[in-house]
Amino acid sequence: MAPISFARGAPAPECLDAELLASCATAALERDGATILSYGAGGGYGPLRELLAERHGVDPARVFATAGGLQGFDLYATVQLLRRPGRVLVEAPTYDRPLKLLRWRGVDVVGIPMDDEGLDPDALEAELRSGGDVSFLYTIPTFQNPSGRTLGEERRRRIVELSAEHDLHVLEDDPYGLVRYVGESVPSIHSLEGGTCTFGVLRNAAYYDLSDLVQRFQRLDVEVELGFTAEQTAREVERCLNCDIETHFTAPLCIECDACIDICPVDCLAITINGDEPFLRERFNAPANNLEQPLYVSDPLKQTRRVMLKDENVCLHCGLCAERCPTYAWDMRKFVLQIPYAGSRAGKVIPLAAV
């Protein structure tokens, strides 16, 4: 048997089933070729996203397929640092490539000490209490690179508690979780948190069992171009109209591709030159029935200096603009009402239900 190199995190060539992957690609192209070779949803091929969502217990709309974990890290960091500037916390030591990407951006990277059990939650808490803005924590809790340590469930739960207490966003990188030969698997931080916050989970598809992909790729009931079936759209609209998630637009990320306008089911969006309110209202395809509702008008967009418009009175908050947007200029964020009370700790969040 030829030796297997452990010098880097890459599978041995003889473990790569080229014939299986070729049959998957052939099945997808034969059935959906005209669609998938054209412009489609930014998140990737619908049936693949459904498969990955099923494995991780999330909605397919939350799955974004990339060309590997490092690309996923770069996309996440780009958007996260724009919408939430601050220092990035990492394990010390950690995977060198994310460090290079962050330092190229001039990001302040802070290493959090580890011990024999992995990331030290006490050290993480001390850093969070030291003050200053934190963008996110990047962690590899399972078979950590380069130490090989695996964080126990108790410490993972402590990280979940700290993230809730300090509003800490966590990017969980798990390229090796399925490569376990002894012992029991430990629940991911994402699953312990419940999957409701902005916990990114990176998985390297090279380590998935892909044997059922051929059968899954035969399905034609997933609309690849729009990303949602009619049933999924109805479900998403109902969910979003009954929660505290709202659409959010980041003008510097917009490339003015009009994808959000094309997919909007109620025509509540428009891109136009700026002007007074009567002029702007004429730019919508859907007439407004509440002229007292202010329009959303973005900052000038970087390519043409036009502005993004949204009629909040018409918007369903269905999330399709965020689903279709290739740059995350449109995003879905949780709405939190902060009300100061005499005698309460500064910055304390008072739940709306308690007011």
Protein backbone atom coordinates (compact mmCIF):
# COMPACT_ATOMS: atom_id res chain seq x y z
CA MET A 1 0.00 0.00 0.00
CA ALA A 2 1.33 3.43 -0.91
CA PRO A 3 1.99 5.79 2.00
CA ILE A 4 -0.68 8.37 2.83
CA SER A 5 0.61 11.88 3.39
CA PHE A 6 -0.60 13.79 6.43
CA ALA A 7 1.32 16.93 5.45
CA ARG A 8 -1.82 18.83 4.42
CA GLY A 9 -5.59 18.56 4.65
CA ALA A 10 -6.27 16.91 1.32
CA PRO A 11 -7.67 13.44 0.55
CA ALA A 12 -5.41 10.83 -1.00
CA PRO A 13 -5.92 10.72 -4.81
CA GLU A 14 -6.91 7.05 -4.68
CA CYS A 15 -9.83 7.97 -2.40
CA LEU A 16 -11.40 10.26 -4.98
CA ASP A 17 -14.12 8.43 -6.93
CA ALA A 18 -13.84 10.16 -10.32
CA GLU A 19 -16.29 7.72 -11.94
CA LEU A 20 -19.00 8.43 -9.34
CA LEU A 21 -18.58 12.19 -9.62
CA ALA A 22 -18.65 11.98 -13.42
CA SER A 23 -21.93 10.06 -13.31
CA CYS A 24 -23.39 12.71 -10.98
CA ALA A 25 -22.37 15.49 -13.37
CA THR A 26 -23.73 13.56 -16.34
CA ALA A 27 -27.09 12.98 -14.64
CA ALA A 28 -27.41 16.67 -13.75
CA LEU A 29 -26.48 17.87 -17.25
CA GLU A 30 -28.76 15.40 -19.03
CA ARG A 31 -31.81 16.42 -17.02
CA ASP A 32 -31.20 20.12 -16.24
CA GLY A 33 -28.39 21.09 -18.59
CA ALA A 34 -30.14 23.96 -20.37
CA THR A 35 -30.95 25.51 -16.99
CA ILE A 36 -27.81 24.92 -14.96
CA LEU A 37 -25.50 26.10 -17.76
CA SER A 38 -27.38 29.42 -17.82
CA TYR A 39 -27.58 32.09 -15.14
CA GLY A 40 -29.15 30.70 -12.01
CA ALA A 41 -29.46 31.12 -8.26
CA GLY A 42 -26.33 32.48 -6.61
CA GLY A 43 -26.48 29.79 -3.92
CA GLY A 44 -25.83 26.93 -6.34
CA TYR A 45 -27.63 23.93 -7.82
CA GLY A 46 -31.00 23.43 -6.12
CA PRO A 47 -30.97 19.62 -5.61
CA LEU A 48 -27.43 19.77 -4.19
CA ARG A 49 -28.44 22.50 -1.76
CA GLU A 50 -31.45 20.45 -0.69
CA LEU A 51 -29.23 17.43 -0.04
CA LEU A 52 -26.76 19.43 2.05
CA ALA A 53 -29.59 21.16 3.92
CA GLU A 54 -31.12 17.81 4.80
CA ARG A 55 -27.82 16.58 6.20
CA HIS A 56 -27.31 19.63 8.38
CA GLY A 57 -30.92 20.16 9.41
CA VAL A 58 -31.39 23.61 7.85
CA ASP A 59 -33.59 25.15 5.19
CA PRO A 60 -32.12 24.88 1.65
CA ALA A 61 -32.32 28.67 1.40
CA ARG A 62 -29.51 28.84 3.99
CA VAL A 63 -27.12 26.70 1.94
CA PHE A 64 -24.60 28.46 -0.30
CA ALA A 65 -22.45 26.09 -2.36
CA THR A 66 -18.84 27.19 -2.93
CA ALA A 67 -15.72 25.81 -4.59
CA GLY A 68 -14.29 24.75 -1.22
CA GLY A 69 -14.14 25.92 2.37
CA LEU A 70 -11.56 28.63 1.78
CA GLN A 71 -13.76 30.36 -0.79
CA GLY A 72 -16.61 30.12 1.68
CA PHE A 73 -14.45 31.76 4.35
CA ASP A 74 -13.47 34.57 1.96
CA LEU A 75 -17.09 35.28 0.96
CA TYR A 76 -18.28 35.24 4.56
CA ALA A 77 -15.42 37.44 5.82
CA THR A 78 -15.93 39.96 2.99
CA VAL A 79 -19.58 40.51 3.84
CA GLN A 80 -19.23 40.19 7.62
CA LEU A 81 -16.42 42.73 7.88
CA LEU A 82 -18.40 45.21 5.79
CA ARG A 83 -21.58 44.95 7.83
CA ARG A 84 -19.84 44.43 11.18
CA PRO A 85 -16.28 45.85 11.27
CA GLY A 86 -14.01 44.76 14.09
CA ARG A 87 -11.28 42.37 15.07
CA VAL A 88 -11.48 38.67 14.21
CA LEU A 89 -10.87 36.08 16.92
CA VAL A 90 -9.15 32.80 16.01
CA GLU A 91 -7.66 29.82 17.77
CA ALA A 92 -3.93 30.05 18.46
CA PRO A 93 -2.60 28.43 16.35
CA THR A 94 -5.03 28.00 13.45
CA TYR A 95 -5.23 27.29 9.72
CA ASP A 96 -2.78 29.65 8.00
CA ARG A 97 -4.76 30.46 4.83
CA PRO A 98 -7.62 32.35 6.55
CA LEU A 99 -4.96 34.30 8.46
CA LYS A 100 -3.37 35.36 5.17
CA LEU A 101 -6.72 36.45 3.74
CA LEU A 102 -7.49 38.50 6.84
CA ARG A 103 -4.08 40.14 6.97
CA TRP A 104 -4.28 41.09 3.30
CA ARG A 105 -7.39 43.03 4.30
CA GLY A 106 -5.60 44.71 7.18
CA VAL A 107 -7.84 43.03 9.76
CA ASP A 108 -6.81 42.94 13.42
CA VAL A 109 -6.54 39.20 14.19
CA VAL A 110 -6.48 38.11 17.85
CA GLY A 111 -5.40 34.58 18.78
CA ILE A 112 -7.31 32.87 21.61
CA PRO A 113 -5.21 30.36 23.58
CA MET A 114 -5.94 26.63 23.49
CA ASP A 115 -5.11 23.86 25.93
CA ASP A 116 -5.19 20.09 25.52
CA GLU A 117 -8.99 20.21 25.18
CA GLY A 118 -9.05 22.88 22.49
CA LEU A 119 -10.19 26.50 22.56
CA ASP A 120 -10.21 27.92 26.11
CA PRO A 121 -13.68 29.45 26.77
CA ASP A 122 -12.33 31.46 29.73
CA ALA A 123 -9.74 33.10 27.48
CA LEU A 124 -12.45 33.78 24.89
CA GLU A 125 -14.68 35.39 27.53
CA ALA A 126 -11.80 37.56 28.77
CA GLU A 127 -11.16 38.82 25.24
CA LEU A 128 -14.85 39.58 24.70
CA ARG A 129 -14.97 41.52 27.98
CA SER A 130 -11.88 43.55 27.07
CA GLY A 131 -14.00 45.91 24.96
CA GLY A 132 -13.84 47.02 21.35
CA ASP A 133 -15.69 45.71 18.32
CA VAL A 134 -15.49 42.03 17.35
CA SER A 135 -16.58 40.99 13.86
CA PHE A 136 -16.63 37.23 14.39
CA LEU A 137 -14.93 34.16 15.86
CA TYR A 138 -13.39 31.68 13.42
CA THR A 139 -13.04 28.22 14.92
CA ILE A 140 -12.26 24.65 13.81
CA PRO A 141 -13.68 22.70 16.78
CA THR A 142 -13.34 19.19 15.35
CA PHE A 143 -9.87 17.80 14.54
CA GLN A 144 -8.54 21.35 14.66
CA ASN A 145 -5.92 22.43 12.12
CA PRO A 146 -3.02 22.23 13.00
CA SER A 147 -3.36 20.80 16.54
CA GLY A 148 -5.77 17.95 15.77
CA ARG A 149 -7.71 18.65 18.98
CA THR A 150 -11.46 18.23 19.24
CA LEU A 151 -13.49 20.55 21.45
CA GLY A 152 -15.78 18.71 23.88
CA GLU A 153 -19.53 19.24 24.01
CA GLU A 154 -19.39 21.14 27.33
CA ARG A 155 -17.02 23.73 25.89
CA ARG A 156 -19.07 24.00 22.72
CA ARG A 157 -22.13 24.80 24.82
CA ARG A 158 -20.10 27.43 26.66
CA ILE A 159 -19.20 29.07 23.34
CA VAL A 160 -22.90 29.11 22.43
CA GLU A 161 -23.65 30.83 25.76
CA LEU A 162 -20.88 33.40 25.22
CA SER A 163 -22.08 34.09 21.69
CA ALA A 164 -25.58 34.83 22.98
CA GLU A 165 -24.32 36.95 25.86
CA HIS A 166 -21.94 39.05 23.74
CA ASP A 167 -23.78 38.92 20.39
CA LEU A 168 -20.77 37.10 18.96
CA HIS A 169 -20.99 35.74 15.42
CA VAL A 170 -19.25 32.39 15.03
CA LEU A 171 -17.91 30.90 11.81
CA GLU A 172 -17.56 27.15 12.39
CA ASP A 173 -15.22 25.40 9.98
CA ASP A 174 -15.71 21.62 9.90
CA PRO A 175 -13.77 20.02 7.03
CA TYR A 176 -12.85 16.85 8.94
CA GLY A 177 -15.93 16.04 11.02
CA LEU A 178 -16.88 13.00 8.93
CA VAL A 179 -13.35 11.57 8.97
CA ARG A 180 -13.62 9.88 12.37
CA TYR A 181 -12.37 6.34 12.99
CA VAL A 182 -12.81 5.99 16.77
CA GLY A 183 -15.03 7.56 19.41
CA GLU A 184 -18.37 9.31 19.18
CA SER A 185 -19.05 12.38 17.08
CA VAL A 186 -19.56 15.64 18.98
CA PRO A 187 -22.53 17.88 18.05
CA SER A 188 -21.53 20.89 16.01
CA ILE A 189 -21.70 24.36 17.56
CA HIS A 190 -24.25 25.16 14.86
CA SER A 191 -26.57 22.34 15.96
CA LEU A 192 -26.17 23.16 19.67
CA GLU A 193 -27.03 26.79 19.01
CA GLY A 194 -30.16 25.71 17.15
CA GLY A 195 -29.31 27.10 13.73
CA THR A 196 -31.22 30.34 14.23
CA CYS A 197 -28.29 32.78 14.46
CA THR A 198 -25.59 33.68 11.95
CA PHE A 199 -23.42 30.63 12.56
CA GLY A 200 -21.61 29.85 9.32
CA VAL A 201 -20.72 26.20 8.76
CA LEU A 202 -18.08 25.32 6.19
CA ARG A 203 -17.94 21.75 4.97
CA ASN A 204 -15.52 20.40 2.40
CA ALA A 205 -17.66 18.44 -0.08
CA ALA A 206 -14.71 16.14 -0.86
CA TYR A 207 -15.47 14.34 2.41
CA TYR A 208 -19.17 13.74 1.83
CA ASP A 209 -20.64 10.37 1.00
CA LEU A 210 -21.92 11.22 -2.49
CA SER A 211 -23.41 7.86 -3.39
CA ASP A 212 -27.00 9.15 -3.43
CA LEU A 213 -26.34 12.25 -5.55
CA VAL A 214 -27.13 10.50 -8.83
CA GLN A 215 -30.66 9.69 -7.65
CA ARG A 216 -31.17 13.16 -6.17
CA PHE A 217 -30.05 14.84 -9.42
CA GLN A 218 -32.85 13.12 -11.33
CA ARG A 219 -35.41 15.36 -9.61
CA LEU A 220 -36.99 18.10 -11.65
CA ASP A 221 -39.20 19.63 -8.92
CA VAL A 222 -36.60 22.20 -7.86
CA GLU A 223 -36.58 25.46 -9.82
CA VAL A 224 -32.89 26.21 -10.25
CA GLU A 225 -33.25 29.61 -11.90
CA LEU A 226 -35.32 31.16 -9.11
CA GLY A 227 -34.05 29.02 -6.26
CA PHE A 228 -37.56 28.31 -4.87
CA THR A 229 -40.51 26.20 -5.95
CA ALA A 230 -43.96 27.77 -5.64
CA GLU A 231 -44.52 25.79 -2.43
CA GLN A 232 -41.18 26.92 -0.98
CA THR A 233 -42.02 30.53 -1.84
CA ALA A 234 -45.35 30.32 -0.03
CA ARG A 235 -43.69 28.73 2.99
CA GLU A 236 -40.95 31.37 3.12
CA VAL A 237 -43.42 34.24 2.80
CA GLU A 238 -45.59 32.86 5.63
CA ARG A 239 -42.55 32.33 7.83
CA CYS A 240 -41.09 35.79 7.23
CA LEU A 241 -44.35 37.63 7.76
CA ASN A 242 -44.58 36.12 11.24
CA CYS A 243 -41.07 36.67 12.60
CA ASP A 244 -38.71 39.51 13.45
CA ILE A 245 -36.39 39.12 10.45
CA GLU A 246 -36.27 42.03 8.03
CA THR A 247 -34.51 42.81 4.77
CA HIS A 248 -31.33 44.87 4.92
CA PHE A 249 -29.46 46.50 2.03
CA THR A 250 -25.71 47.25 1.93
CA ALA A 251 -25.12 49.68 -0.94
CA PRO A 252 -21.32 49.15 -1.36
CA LEU A 253 -21.94 45.45 -2.13
CA CYS A 254 -24.49 46.06 -4.90
CA ILE A 255 -23.33 45.42 -8.51
CA GLU A 256 -26.66 46.58 -10.02
CA CYS A 257 -27.35 43.25 -11.71
CA ASP A 258 -31.14 43.67 -11.22
CA ALA A 259 -31.47 40.09 -9.94
CA CYS A 260 -33.43 41.27 -6.89
CA ILE A 261 -35.82 43.27 -9.05
CA ASP A 262 -36.33 40.31 -11.43
CA ILE A 263 -37.23 37.92 -8.61
CA CYS A 264 -39.34 40.21 -6.39
CA PRO A 265 -42.89 38.76 -6.45
CA VAL A 266 -44.57 42.08 -5.60
CA ASP A 267 -42.41 44.59 -7.53
CA CYS A 268 -41.46 46.52 -4.39
CA LEU A 269 -37.91 47.25 -5.62
CA ALA A 270 -36.44 49.60 -8.22
CA ILE A 271 -33.07 51.09 -9.17
CA THR A 272 -33.20 54.63 -10.49
CA ILE A 273 -31.59 58.03 -10.42
CA ASN A 274 -32.43 59.94 -7.26
CA GLY A 275 -35.15 62.58 -7.12
CA ASP A 276 -38.05 63.88 -5.07
CA GLU A 277 -40.67 61.52 -3.64
CA PRO A 278 -43.30 61.85 -6.43
CA PHE A 279 -40.62 61.09 -9.02
CA LEU A 280 -39.34 58.07 -7.08
CA ARG A 281 -42.81 56.61 -6.57
CA GLU A 282 -43.33 56.59 -10.32
CA ARG A 283 -40.35 54.29 -10.73
CA PHE A 284 -42.21 51.29 -9.22
CA ASN A 285 -44.24 48.86 -11.29
CA ALA A 286 -46.62 48.24 -8.38
CA PRO A 287 -48.73 51.23 -7.29
CA ALA A 288 -48.46 52.24 -3.63
CA ASN A 289 -51.68 52.18 -1.60
CA ASN A 290 -50.20 53.93 1.43
CA LEU A 291 -48.48 57.20 0.55
CA GLU A 292 -47.77 57.89 4.22
CA GLN A 293 -45.32 54.96 4.37
CA PRO A 294 -41.83 56.40 3.70
CA LEU A 295 -39.80 54.87 0.88
CA TYR A 296 -36.44 53.27 1.53
CA VAL A 297 -33.78 55.09 -0.52
CA SER A 298 -30.20 53.76 -0.40
CA ASP A 299 -26.93 55.62 -0.58
CA PRO A 300 -25.67 56.13 -4.16
CA LEU A 301 -24.56 52.86 -5.75
CA LYS A 302 -20.89 52.75 -6.66
CA GLN A 303 -21.20 51.88 -10.36
CA THR A 304 -23.77 54.41 -11.65
CA ARG A 305 -24.57 56.57 -8.59
CA ARG A 306 -28.20 55.50 -8.90
CA VAL A 307 -30.12 54.46 -5.76
CA MET A 308 -31.98 51.35 -4.66
CA LEU A 309 -35.65 51.96 -3.79
CA LYS A 310 -37.97 49.78 -1.73
CA ASP A 311 -41.63 50.35 -0.90
CA GLU A 312 -41.90 48.93 2.62
CA ASN A 313 -45.69 48.98 2.45
CA VAL A 314 -45.63 46.51 -0.46
CA CYS A 315 -42.64 44.35 0.64
CA LEU A 316 -43.50 40.86 1.95
CA HIS A 317 -40.09 40.34 3.61
CA CYS A 318 -40.07 37.00 1.81
CA GLY A 319 -36.27 36.99 1.46
CA LEU A 320 -36.19 36.22 -2.25
CA CYS A 321 -34.06 39.32 -2.94
CA ALA A 322 -31.49 38.06 -0.40
CA GLU A 323 -31.71 34.54 -1.86
CA ARG A 324 -31.06 35.75 -5.40
CA CYS A 325 -28.45 38.46 -4.66
CA PRO A 326 -24.99 37.19 -5.74
CA THR A 327 -23.06 39.59 -3.46
CA TYR A 328 -25.20 39.62 -0.28
CA ALA A 329 -26.05 43.28 -0.82
CA TRP A 330 -29.57 42.21 0.18
CA ASP A 331 -29.57 40.30 3.47
CA MET A 332 -32.06 39.14 6.10
CA ARG A 333 -31.38 40.35 9.65
CA LYS A 334 -33.02 39.98 13.03
CA PHE A 335 -34.85 43.05 14.32
CA VAL A 336 -34.12 43.93 17.97
CA LEU A 337 -35.85 46.77 19.81
CA GLN A 338 -33.61 48.34 22.46
CA ILE A 339 -35.38 50.53 25.03
CA PRO A 340 -33.41 52.21 27.84
CA TYR A 341 -34.94 52.11 31.31
CA ALA A 342 -33.88 53.98 34.42
CA GLY A 343 -31.74 51.71 36.54
CA SER A 344 -31.10 49.14 33.81
CA ARG A 345 -27.61 48.27 32.65
CA ALA A 346 -26.52 50.31 29.63
CA GLY A 347 -27.05 48.43 26.38
CA LYS A 348 -29.33 45.82 27.95
CA VAL A 349 -31.84 44.45 25.46
CA ILE A 350 -35.42 44.53 26.70
CA PRO A 351 -37.60 41.98 24.84
CA LEU A 352 -40.50 43.66 23.07
CA ALA A 353 -42.92 41.24 24.72
CA ALA A 354 -41.84 42.55 28.14
CA VAL A 355 -42.58 46.21 27.31
